[in-house]
Amino acid sequence: MKTRVVPCLLLLLSLLGSAGSAWAQASWRDLPPEERREMRQQMREHWQQDRNMRREEGPRRWQEVPPEDRRRLRDEMREQGRGQGDHQRRDGRGGRHD
């Protein structure tokens, strides 16, 4: 009896969680237009701050890797790709390209 109750309870909880998240995602549409405008403005400001922080971080990590190491890694990745997808062309259509 217990073995049937636990899976049913888990299923019920997961369904309720899914419905709750779907309802929460649509709740912004219920806001008045002025509050939606304010929320959009706050998001724009947040994204701008995020962009500024990324600019201040400096170079990307891959740029910190010496060129010879980057070249070696790139060659290794190409070799791995050849071993996995010999039958697929670069344009993604598949087929042989002898």
Protein backbone atom coordinates (compact mmCIF):
# COMPACT_ATOMS: atom_id res chain seq x y z
CA MET A 1 0.00 0.00 0.00
CA LYS A 2 2.78 2.42 0.96
CA THR A 3 4.64 1.71 -2.27
CA ARG A 4 1.67 3.00 -4.29
CA VAL A 5 1.10 6.11 -2.17
CA VAL A 6 4.60 7.54 -2.51
CA PRO A 7 4.74 7.59 -6.35
CA CYS A 8 1.20 8.99 -6.53
CA LEU A 9 2.11 11.71 -4.05
CA LEU A 10 5.25 12.59 -5.98
CA LEU A 11 3.28 12.76 -9.23
CA LEU A 12 0.67 15.02 -7.66
CA LEU A 13 3.32 17.35 -6.22
CA SER A 14 5.15 17.60 -9.54
CA LEU A 15 1.91 18.43 -11.37
CA LEU A 16 1.04 21.11 -8.82
CA GLY A 17 4.55 22.56 -9.12
CA SER A 18 4.32 22.72 -12.90
CA ALA A 19 0.93 24.43 -12.77
CA GLY A 20 2.19 26.92 -10.20
CA SER A 21 5.21 27.92 -12.25
CA ALA A 22 3.09 28.34 -15.38
CA TRP A 23 0.69 30.57 -13.46
CA ALA A 24 3.55 32.64 -12.05
CA GLN A 25 5.04 33.20 -15.51
CA ALA A 26 1.79 34.66 -16.84
CA SER A 27 1.16 36.86 -13.79
CA TRP A 28 3.14 39.80 -15.22
CA ARG A 29 0.38 40.21 -17.81
CA ASP A 30 -2.03 41.00 -14.98
CA LEU A 31 -0.01 44.07 -13.99
CA PRO A 32 -1.28 47.50 -14.96
CA PRO A 33 0.53 49.09 -17.95
CA GLU A 34 2.43 51.56 -15.76
CA GLU A 35 3.85 48.79 -13.56
CA ARG A 36 4.83 46.77 -16.64
CA ARG A 37 6.65 49.80 -18.05
CA GLU A 38 8.47 50.24 -14.75
CA MET A 39 9.42 46.54 -14.69
CA ARG A 40 10.75 46.74 -18.26
CA GLN A 41 12.77 49.84 -17.35
CA GLN A 42 14.25 48.05 -14.33
CA MET A 43 15.21 45.09 -16.51
CA ARG A 44 16.88 47.40 -19.06
CA GLU A 45 18.89 49.01 -16.27
CA HIS A 46 19.86 45.61 -14.93
CA TRP A 47 21.00 44.42 -18.37
CA GLN A 48 22.98 47.64 -18.87
CA GLN A 49 24.74 47.14 -15.53
CA ASP A 50 25.47 43.54 -16.49
CA ARG A 51 27.01 44.67 -19.80
CA ASN A 52 29.13 47.27 -18.03
CA MET A 53 30.39 44.73 -15.52
CA ARG A 54 31.39 42.37 -18.31
CA ARG A 55 33.31 45.12 -20.07
CA GLU A 56 35.20 45.91 -16.87
CA GLU A 57 36.14 42.26 -16.34
CA GLY A 58 38.73 42.52 -19.05
CA PRO A 59 39.68 39.90 -21.62
CA ARG A 60 37.87 36.61 -21.91
CA ARG A 61 39.54 33.56 -20.44
CA TRP A 62 40.30 32.07 -23.86
CA GLN A 63 42.32 35.19 -24.66
CA GLU A 64 44.52 34.46 -21.64
CA VAL A 65 45.55 31.12 -23.18
CA PRO A 66 48.77 31.39 -25.19
CA PRO A 67 48.28 31.18 -28.99
CA GLU A 68 50.18 27.90 -29.35
CA ASP A 69 47.97 26.23 -26.72
CA ARG A 70 44.85 27.58 -28.43
CA ARG A 71 46.07 26.18 -31.75
CA ARG A 72 46.76 22.79 -30.19
CA LEU A 73 43.31 22.67 -28.55
CA ARG A 74 41.64 23.70 -31.81
CA ASP A 75 43.44 20.94 -33.69
CA GLU A 76 42.46 18.37 -31.04
CA MET A 77 38.83 19.41 -31.30
CA ARG A 78 38.92 19.11 -35.08
CA GLU A 79 40.34 15.61 -34.80
CA GLN A 80 37.61 14.60 -32.35
CA GLY A 81 34.98 16.03 -34.68
CA ARG A 82 36.32 14.06 -37.63
CA GLY A 83 36.14 10.84 -35.66
CA GLN A 84 32.53 11.41 -34.63
CA GLY A 85 30.91 12.79 -37.74
CA ASP A 86 32.67 11.63 -40.89
CA HIS A 87 29.31 11.20 -42.61
CA GLN A 88 28.12 14.77 -41.98
CA ARG A 89 29.10 17.69 -44.17
CA ARG A 90 30.05 21.09 -42.79
CA ASP A 91 26.83 22.66 -44.06
CA GLY A 92 24.84 20.22 -41.92
CA ARG A 93 23.06 18.41 -44.76
CA GLY A 94 24.89 15.14 -44.27
CA GLY A 95 26.09 12.89 -47.05
CA ARG A 96 29.57 12.18 -48.28
CA HIS A 97 31.91 14.87 -49.53
CA ASP A 98 34.76 12.91 -51.09
